[in-house]
Amino acid sequence: MAARIDHDAAELQALRVLSASVGADPLLVQGAGGNTSLKQAGVLWIKASGTWLMNAATADIMVPVALAPLLDAVARKDPAAEKAAAFTLSELNPHQLRPSIETTVHALLPQKVVVHVHCVETIAIAVQTNAEAVLEERLRGLDWAFVPYRRPGLPLAQGIAERLRPRTDVLVLGNHGLVVAADTVAEANLLLRRVTGLLARAPRKAPAPDLDALLRLAMGSDYRLPVAVEAHAAATDLASCRIAASGSLYPDHVIFLGIGSVIAGPNENAAAVVARIAAAGQPAPASILFPGKGILMRRDANAGAEAMARCLADVAIRVDPTARVNYLSIEENAELLNWDAEKYRQELNRRAGSVLQ
């Protein structure tokens, strides 16, 4: 029994270390996105909603969930399965953290270890209308499945159940990301590295931002340069700018930056863009793309928004400019913004404060 306890503790610690490593890589996880889990003795340990994977090795962000009752609720399509909070083991959850919005997805997979990332290499393929054909070429020989877009949470878990086969251990989620599953943390790490390597493609080389022009465009407004210089590629690479201009590519963009992207006109500065948006009854955007020059962020944008601004650039620069792209529909955007689980995550993001404070 003591040996089993030691092994379980070692695996959970290994998951924390892997989670922190994955969470520190902006090409795999951005901000509070992504989640990891480990099943042990009837308990599903999963990342808490709104927390950052990069902190997994130093902060207590894993939540214990009773696995069997949760799976039973999923099978019955019980609404309580959506939040999963009712299935947490309070005695092992002293901070009363809420489980990830993806808890049902992790519970559904039979493997002990599940790693879900918002890998930019994967998303760049998963947003294309021909994603399955591209994946067939890249992932030949692996037990993978493509799951068309469903809202994260219970709808996504149900979509996965429809595609899942007994040996499936790789899931590519349309307009969302990548899931790998294995029976040990080490095997999950190896599978993650293998799949992301197979899906990688060289990004286009984006022109450098025109920082002087951007600073002039920001004058008299509540906008500033982004923290990550890489974020400018969404605007300096005109193919990326066209992709961004057409709509929302994936859920976390909607949650932390809003629906789609705001593109400045040829003669507009930041103040003029805000005035135009306000005249249409909309709030000042979190970011503004200035084609050929770069982007500006609203002064109060916090770490979550900053992470997603860079993510947009990293994804768009990898999307084939000749490809047909699937965007989230008006209804899909709306259900994300009106979803209680995501409102909770947004509130945690706001509490984190501005990255510049």
Protein backbone atom coordinates (compact mmCIF):
# COMPACT_ATOMS: atom_id res chain seq x y z
CA MET A 1 0.00 0.00 0.00
CA ALA A 2 2.83 2.41 0.90
CA ALA A 3 4.47 1.76 -2.48
CA ARG A 4 1.19 2.55 -4.26
CA ILE A 5 0.82 5.80 -2.33
CA ASP A 6 4.40 6.79 -3.16
CA HIS A 7 3.84 6.00 -6.85
CA ASP A 8 0.61 7.99 -6.96
CA ALA A 9 2.27 10.98 -5.29
CA ALA A 10 5.19 10.78 -7.72
CA GLU A 11 2.87 10.70 -10.75
CA LEU A 12 0.88 13.68 -9.49
CA GLN A 13 4.12 15.59 -8.97
CA ALA A 14 5.29 14.58 -12.44
CA LEU A 15 2.02 15.92 -13.84
CA ARG A 16 2.59 19.22 -12.04
CA VAL A 17 6.07 19.50 -13.55
CA LEU A 18 4.85 18.65 -17.06
CA SER A 19 1.94 21.07 -16.67
CA ALA A 20 4.28 23.91 -15.69
CA SER A 21 6.57 23.17 -18.63
CA VAL A 22 3.69 23.07 -21.11
CA GLY A 23 2.10 26.15 -19.58
CA ALA A 24 5.30 28.17 -19.96
CA ASP A 25 5.36 27.60 -23.74
CA PRO A 26 3.13 30.17 -25.50
CA LEU A 27 3.04 27.97 -28.59
CA LEU A 28 1.23 25.32 -26.52
CA VAL A 29 -0.76 27.23 -23.90
CA GLN A 30 -1.78 30.87 -23.59
CA GLY A 31 -2.77 32.46 -20.30
CA ALA A 32 -5.34 30.43 -18.40
CA GLY A 33 -5.98 28.11 -21.35
CA GLY A 34 -5.24 24.39 -21.54
CA ASN A 35 -5.63 21.80 -18.81
CA THR A 36 -4.14 18.54 -17.57
CA SER A 37 -5.44 15.69 -15.45
CA LEU A 38 -4.56 12.44 -13.70
CA LYS A 39 -6.92 9.63 -12.65
CA GLN A 40 -5.96 7.86 -9.42
CA ALA A 41 -8.02 5.52 -7.24
CA GLY A 42 -11.35 6.87 -8.44
CA VAL A 43 -10.26 10.52 -8.24
CA LEU A 44 -9.71 12.80 -11.22
CA TRP A 45 -7.12 15.46 -10.40
CA ILE A 46 -7.61 18.32 -12.87
CA LYS A 47 -6.45 21.90 -13.28
CA ALA A 48 -8.71 24.47 -11.66
CA SER A 49 -10.70 26.83 -13.88
CA GLY A 50 -9.03 30.19 -14.47
CA THR A 51 -5.62 29.13 -13.14
CA TRP A 52 -2.46 29.09 -15.24
CA LEU A 53 -0.74 25.80 -16.02
CA MET A 54 2.65 27.50 -15.82
CA ASN A 55 2.09 27.81 -12.05
CA ALA A 56 1.33 24.11 -11.52
CA ALA A 57 4.70 23.27 -9.95
CA THR A 58 4.58 26.08 -7.39
CA ALA A 59 0.88 26.64 -6.65
CA ASP A 60 -1.94 24.32 -5.60
CA ILE A 61 -4.05 24.44 -8.79
CA MET A 62 -5.16 20.80 -9.11
CA VAL A 63 -8.74 19.97 -8.05
CA PRO A 64 -9.90 16.48 -6.95
CA VAL A 65 -13.14 15.29 -8.56
CA ALA A 66 -15.02 12.05 -7.82
CA LEU A 67 -14.79 10.26 -11.17
CA ALA A 68 -17.59 7.66 -11.06
CA PRO A 69 -20.41 10.05 -10.04
CA LEU A 70 -19.27 12.56 -12.66
CA LEU A 71 -19.27 9.94 -15.43
CA ASP A 72 -22.71 8.81 -14.33
CA ALA A 73 -23.95 12.41 -14.56
CA VAL A 74 -22.43 12.75 -18.03
CA ALA A 75 -24.19 9.56 -19.15
CA ARG A 76 -27.49 10.91 -17.83
CA LYS A 77 -26.81 14.32 -19.43
CA ASP A 78 -27.27 15.85 -15.99
CA PRO A 79 -26.67 19.65 -16.17
CA ALA A 80 -24.60 19.33 -12.97
CA ALA A 81 -21.88 17.61 -15.02
CA GLU A 82 -21.27 20.85 -16.92
CA LYS A 83 -19.62 22.71 -14.05
CA ALA A 84 -18.46 19.54 -12.24
CA ALA A 85 -18.18 21.58 -9.01
CA ALA A 86 -20.75 19.33 -7.35
CA PHE A 87 -18.36 16.38 -7.70
CA THR A 88 -15.28 17.93 -6.09
CA LEU A 89 -13.93 16.32 -2.92
CA SER A 90 -14.03 19.26 -0.52
CA GLU A 91 -11.72 17.67 2.05
CA LEU A 92 -8.96 17.53 -0.59
CA ASN A 93 -9.79 20.96 -2.03
CA PRO A 94 -8.98 23.42 0.79
CA HIS A 95 -9.04 26.48 -1.50
CA GLN A 96 -12.47 25.50 -2.88
CA LEU A 97 -11.26 25.85 -6.46
CA ARG A 98 -13.65 25.15 -9.30
CA PRO A 99 -12.69 22.35 -11.73
CA SER A 100 -11.73 23.20 -15.30
CA ILE A 101 -14.56 23.76 -17.75
CA GLU A 102 -13.11 20.79 -19.65
CA THR A 103 -13.47 18.33 -16.74
CA THR A 104 -16.06 16.21 -18.56
CA VAL A 105 -13.68 15.81 -21.51
CA HIS A 106 -10.92 14.51 -19.25
CA ALA A 107 -13.30 12.20 -17.40
CA LEU A 108 -14.57 10.68 -20.63
CA LEU A 109 -11.15 9.52 -21.83
CA PRO A 110 -10.18 6.15 -20.32
CA GLN A 111 -6.44 6.83 -20.07
CA LYS A 112 -5.00 7.90 -16.73
CA VAL A 113 -3.28 11.06 -17.99
CA VAL A 114 -4.86 13.64 -20.28
CA VAL A 115 -3.14 16.78 -21.60
CA HIS A 116 -5.21 19.40 -23.44
CA VAL A 117 -3.33 22.28 -25.06
CA HIS A 118 -4.16 25.17 -27.36
CA CYS A 119 -1.21 24.34 -29.57
CA VAL A 120 -0.90 27.02 -32.27
CA GLU A 121 0.40 24.48 -34.80
CA THR A 122 -2.74 22.39 -34.23
CA ILE A 123 -5.17 25.30 -34.26
CA ALA A 124 -3.72 26.61 -37.53
CA ILE A 125 -4.83 23.32 -39.13
CA ALA A 126 -7.99 22.80 -37.07
CA VAL A 127 -9.53 26.07 -38.33
CA GLN A 128 -9.25 25.02 -41.99
CA THR A 129 -12.22 23.47 -43.78
CA ASN A 130 -9.91 20.71 -45.06
CA ALA A 131 -8.47 19.98 -41.60
CA GLU A 132 -9.25 16.25 -41.65
CA ALA A 133 -7.46 15.75 -44.97
CA VAL A 134 -4.38 17.61 -43.72
CA LEU A 135 -4.39 15.61 -40.49
CA GLU A 136 -4.71 12.34 -42.39
CA GLU A 137 -1.40 13.12 -44.07
CA ARG A 138 0.39 14.34 -40.93
CA LEU A 139 -0.87 11.83 -38.35
CA ARG A 140 -0.86 8.63 -40.37
CA GLY A 141 -0.12 5.65 -38.12
CA LEU A 142 -1.46 7.26 -34.94
CA ASP A 143 -4.82 6.50 -33.26
CA TRP A 144 -6.32 9.94 -33.73
CA ALA A 145 -9.74 11.47 -34.25
CA PHE A 146 -10.94 14.87 -35.43
CA VAL A 147 -13.82 16.40 -33.49
CA PRO A 148 -15.71 19.24 -35.23
CA TYR A 149 -16.20 22.35 -33.12
CA ARG A 150 -18.50 22.14 -30.11
CA ARG A 151 -18.68 24.57 -27.23
CA PRO A 152 -16.11 23.62 -24.56
CA GLY A 153 -17.48 21.61 -21.67
CA LEU A 154 -20.29 19.07 -21.89
CA PRO A 155 -21.14 19.66 -25.59
CA LEU A 156 -17.51 19.04 -26.49
CA ALA A 157 -17.42 15.90 -24.34
CA GLN A 158 -20.49 14.62 -26.17
CA GLY A 159 -18.87 15.40 -29.52
CA ILE A 160 -15.78 13.47 -28.46
CA ALA A 161 -17.89 10.50 -27.36
CA GLU A 162 -19.33 10.32 -30.88
CA ARG A 163 -15.84 10.07 -32.43
CA LEU A 164 -13.96 8.13 -29.76
CA ARG A 165 -12.68 4.62 -30.52
CA PRO A 166 -11.23 2.18 -27.95
CA ARG A 167 -7.58 2.97 -28.77
CA THR A 168 -7.89 6.67 -29.59
CA ASP A 169 -5.25 8.68 -27.74
CA VAL A 170 -4.99 11.81 -29.90
CA LEU A 171 -7.86 14.24 -30.48
CA VAL A 172 -7.72 17.29 -32.70
CA LEU A 173 -10.56 19.63 -31.75
CA GLY A 174 -11.93 21.80 -34.55
CA ASN A 175 -11.28 25.51 -33.92
CA HIS A 176 -9.92 24.66 -30.50
CA GLY A 177 -6.78 22.60 -29.91
CA LEU A 178 -5.18 19.25 -29.16
CA VAL A 179 -5.72 16.48 -26.60
CA VAL A 180 -3.32 13.60 -25.96
CA ALA A 181 -3.90 10.76 -23.50
CA ALA A 182 -1.69 8.02 -22.04
CA ASP A 183 -1.34 5.85 -18.96
CA THR A 184 1.70 7.64 -17.54
CA VAL A 185 2.84 11.24 -17.45
CA ALA A 186 6.05 10.34 -19.28
CA GLU A 187 4.12 8.65 -22.11
CA ALA A 188 1.75 11.60 -22.40
CA ASN A 189 4.69 13.97 -22.68
CA LEU A 190 6.30 11.88 -25.42
CA LEU A 191 3.03 11.67 -27.34
CA LEU A 192 2.46 15.42 -27.03
CA ARG A 193 5.94 16.16 -28.41
CA ARG A 194 5.49 13.66 -31.24
CA VAL A 195 2.13 15.02 -32.36
CA THR A 196 3.07 18.69 -32.15
CA GLY A 197 6.21 17.92 -34.14
CA LEU A 198 4.18 16.19 -36.86
CA LEU A 199 1.78 19.13 -37.07
CA ALA A 200 4.43 21.85 -37.09
CA ARG A 201 4.98 24.01 -40.14
CA ALA A 202 7.33 26.94 -40.68
CA PRO A 203 5.50 30.21 -40.03
CA ARG A 204 5.61 32.96 -42.61
CA LYS A 205 8.20 35.64 -41.88
CA ALA A 206 6.30 38.71 -40.76
CA PRO A 207 7.64 42.23 -41.38
CA ALA A 208 8.85 44.09 -38.29
CA PRO A 209 6.34 46.44 -36.63
CA ASP A 210 6.56 50.18 -37.21
CA LEU A 211 6.83 51.17 -33.57
CA ASP A 212 7.23 54.89 -34.24
CA ALA A 213 4.04 54.93 -36.28
CA LEU A 214 2.18 52.93 -33.63
CA LEU A 215 3.22 55.34 -30.88
CA ARG A 216 1.91 58.23 -32.96
CA LEU A 217 -1.33 56.34 -33.58
CA ALA A 218 -1.72 55.77 -29.84
CA MET A 219 -1.41 59.45 -28.91
CA GLY A 220 -4.50 60.89 -27.24
CA SER A 221 -5.94 57.42 -26.57
CA ASP A 222 -6.00 54.74 -23.89
CA TYR A 223 -3.90 52.39 -26.02
CA ARG A 224 -0.30 51.22 -25.81
CA LEU A 225 2.12 48.77 -27.38
CA PRO A 226 1.62 45.06 -26.56
CA VAL A 227 3.95 43.30 -24.15
CA ALA A 228 4.97 40.62 -26.69
CA VAL A 229 6.58 41.94 -29.86
CA GLU A 230 5.41 38.73 -31.59
CA ALA A 231 1.80 39.94 -31.34
CA HIS A 232 2.42 42.55 -34.05
CA ALA A 233 2.62 39.85 -36.75
CA ALA A 234 -1.18 39.61 -36.78
CA ALA A 235 -1.13 43.04 -38.47
CA THR A 236 2.26 43.36 -40.16
CA ASP A 237 1.71 40.13 -42.13
CA LEU A 238 -1.15 41.15 -44.40
CA ALA A 239 -2.31 37.55 -44.97
CA SER A 240 -2.63 37.15 -41.19
CA CYS A 241 -4.48 40.45 -40.96
CA ARG A 242 -7.00 39.28 -43.56
CA ILE A 243 -7.52 36.04 -41.64
CA ALA A 244 -8.00 37.93 -38.36
CA ALA A 245 -10.36 40.44 -39.95
CA SER A 246 -12.89 37.78 -40.93
CA GLY A 247 -13.95 36.58 -37.48
CA SER A 248 -13.20 34.54 -34.36
CA LEU A 249 -11.02 31.47 -34.84
CA TYR A 250 -11.26 29.76 -31.42
CA PRO A 251 -13.03 30.14 -28.04
CA ASP A 252 -10.37 31.80 -25.88
CA HIS A 253 -10.02 34.64 -28.38
CA VAL A 254 -13.69 35.47 -27.83
CA ILE A 255 -13.40 35.23 -24.05
CA PHE A 256 -10.33 37.43 -23.61
CA LEU A 257 -10.29 39.70 -26.68
CA GLY A 258 -13.92 39.78 -27.77
CA ILE A 259 -15.58 38.70 -31.01
CA GLY A 260 -13.28 38.88 -34.03
CA SER A 261 -10.64 41.57 -34.49
CA VAL A 262 -10.96 45.32 -34.95
CA ILE A 263 -9.02 46.59 -37.96
CA ALA A 264 -8.10 50.27 -38.28
CA GLY A 265 -8.88 52.08 -41.49
CA PRO A 266 -6.09 53.68 -43.59
CA ASN A 267 -6.45 57.12 -41.97
CA GLU A 268 -7.56 56.11 -38.49
CA ASN A 269 -5.62 56.43 -35.27
CA ALA A 270 -6.62 54.59 -32.09
CA ALA A 271 -8.91 57.39 -30.88
CA ALA A 272 -10.74 57.44 -34.22
CA VAL A 273 -11.23 53.68 -34.14
CA VAL A 274 -12.69 53.85 -30.64
CA ALA A 275 -15.04 56.66 -31.71
CA ARG A 276 -16.21 54.61 -34.69
CA ILE A 277 -16.79 51.55 -32.52
CA ALA A 278 -18.60 53.61 -29.86
CA ALA A 279 -20.90 55.07 -32.51
CA ALA A 280 -21.96 51.50 -33.30
CA GLY A 281 -22.78 50.94 -29.61
CA GLN A 282 -19.75 48.74 -28.90
CA PRO A 283 -17.14 49.08 -26.12
CA ALA A 284 -13.54 50.02 -26.83
CA PRO A 285 -11.79 46.91 -28.20
CA ALA A 286 -9.08 45.13 -26.25
CA SER A 287 -6.77 45.37 -29.26
CA ILE A 288 -6.64 47.20 -32.59
CA LEU A 289 -4.83 45.92 -35.68
CA PHE A 290 -3.16 48.51 -37.92
CA PRO A 291 -2.43 46.73 -41.23
CA GLY A 292 1.24 46.79 -42.13
CA LYS A 293 2.20 48.55 -38.88
CA GLY A 294 1.32 46.37 -35.87
CA ILE A 295 -1.17 46.32 -33.01
CA LEU A 296 -2.09 48.41 -30.01
CA MET A 297 -3.58 47.09 -26.77
CA ARG A 298 -6.04 48.92 -24.55
CA ARG A 299 -4.11 50.31 -21.59
CA ASP A 300 -6.01 48.20 -19.05
CA ALA A 301 -5.56 44.93 -20.96
CA ASN A 302 -4.33 42.28 -18.56
CA ALA A 303 -2.25 39.14 -18.94
CA GLY A 304 -5.03 37.04 -20.42
CA ALA A 305 -5.70 39.53 -23.20
CA GLU A 306 -1.99 39.95 -23.86
CA ALA A 307 -1.53 36.19 -24.16
CA MET A 308 -4.38 35.91 -26.64
CA ALA A 309 -3.11 38.82 -28.73
CA ARG A 310 0.12 36.94 -29.26
CA CYS A 311 -1.79 33.69 -29.85
CA LEU A 312 -3.74 35.29 -32.70
CA ALA A 313 -0.48 36.24 -34.39
CA ASP A 314 1.09 32.82 -33.80
CA VAL A 315 -1.93 31.00 -35.23
CA ALA A 316 -2.67 33.24 -38.20
CA ILE A 317 0.96 33.29 -39.37
CA ARG A 318 0.75 29.48 -39.70
CA VAL A 319 -2.57 29.27 -41.55
CA ASP A 320 -2.16 28.64 -45.28
CA PRO A 321 -3.27 31.94 -46.86
CA THR A 322 -4.95 30.01 -49.69
CA ALA A 323 -6.96 27.80 -47.32
CA ARG A 324 -10.67 28.17 -46.63
CA VAL A 325 -11.13 28.92 -42.95
CA ASN A 326 -13.96 28.02 -40.58
CA TYR A 327 -14.89 30.83 -38.20
CA LEU A 328 -17.10 30.64 -35.12
CA SER A 329 -20.68 31.56 -36.02
CA ILE A 330 -22.69 34.39 -34.49
CA GLU A 331 -24.47 31.83 -32.32
CA GLU A 332 -21.22 30.15 -31.23
CA ASN A 333 -19.70 33.51 -30.26
CA ALA A 334 -22.82 34.40 -28.29
CA GLU A 335 -22.99 31.14 -26.34
CA LEU A 336 -19.38 31.62 -25.19
CA LEU A 337 -19.98 35.15 -23.95
CA ASN A 338 -23.22 34.19 -22.18
CA TRP A 339 -21.89 31.02 -20.55
CA ASP A 340 -21.62 31.15 -16.75
CA ALA A 341 -18.45 29.02 -16.70
CA GLU A 342 -16.66 31.46 -18.97
CA LYS A 343 -17.96 34.48 -17.06
CA TYR A 344 -16.30 32.92 -13.98
CA ARG A 345 -13.01 32.56 -15.88
CA GLN A 346 -13.26 36.16 -17.14
CA GLU A 347 -13.76 37.39 -13.58
CA LEU A 348 -10.65 35.53 -12.39
CA ASN A 349 -8.75 37.10 -15.27
CA ARG A 350 -9.95 40.59 -14.28
CA ARG A 351 -8.93 40.01 -10.65
CA ALA A 352 -5.40 39.26 -11.84
CA GLY A 353 -5.18 42.94 -12.82
CA SER A 354 -3.23 44.62 -15.56
CA VAL A 355 0.10 43.08 -16.53
CA LEU A 356 1.62 46.55 -16.27
CA GLN A 357 0.48 47.32 -12.72
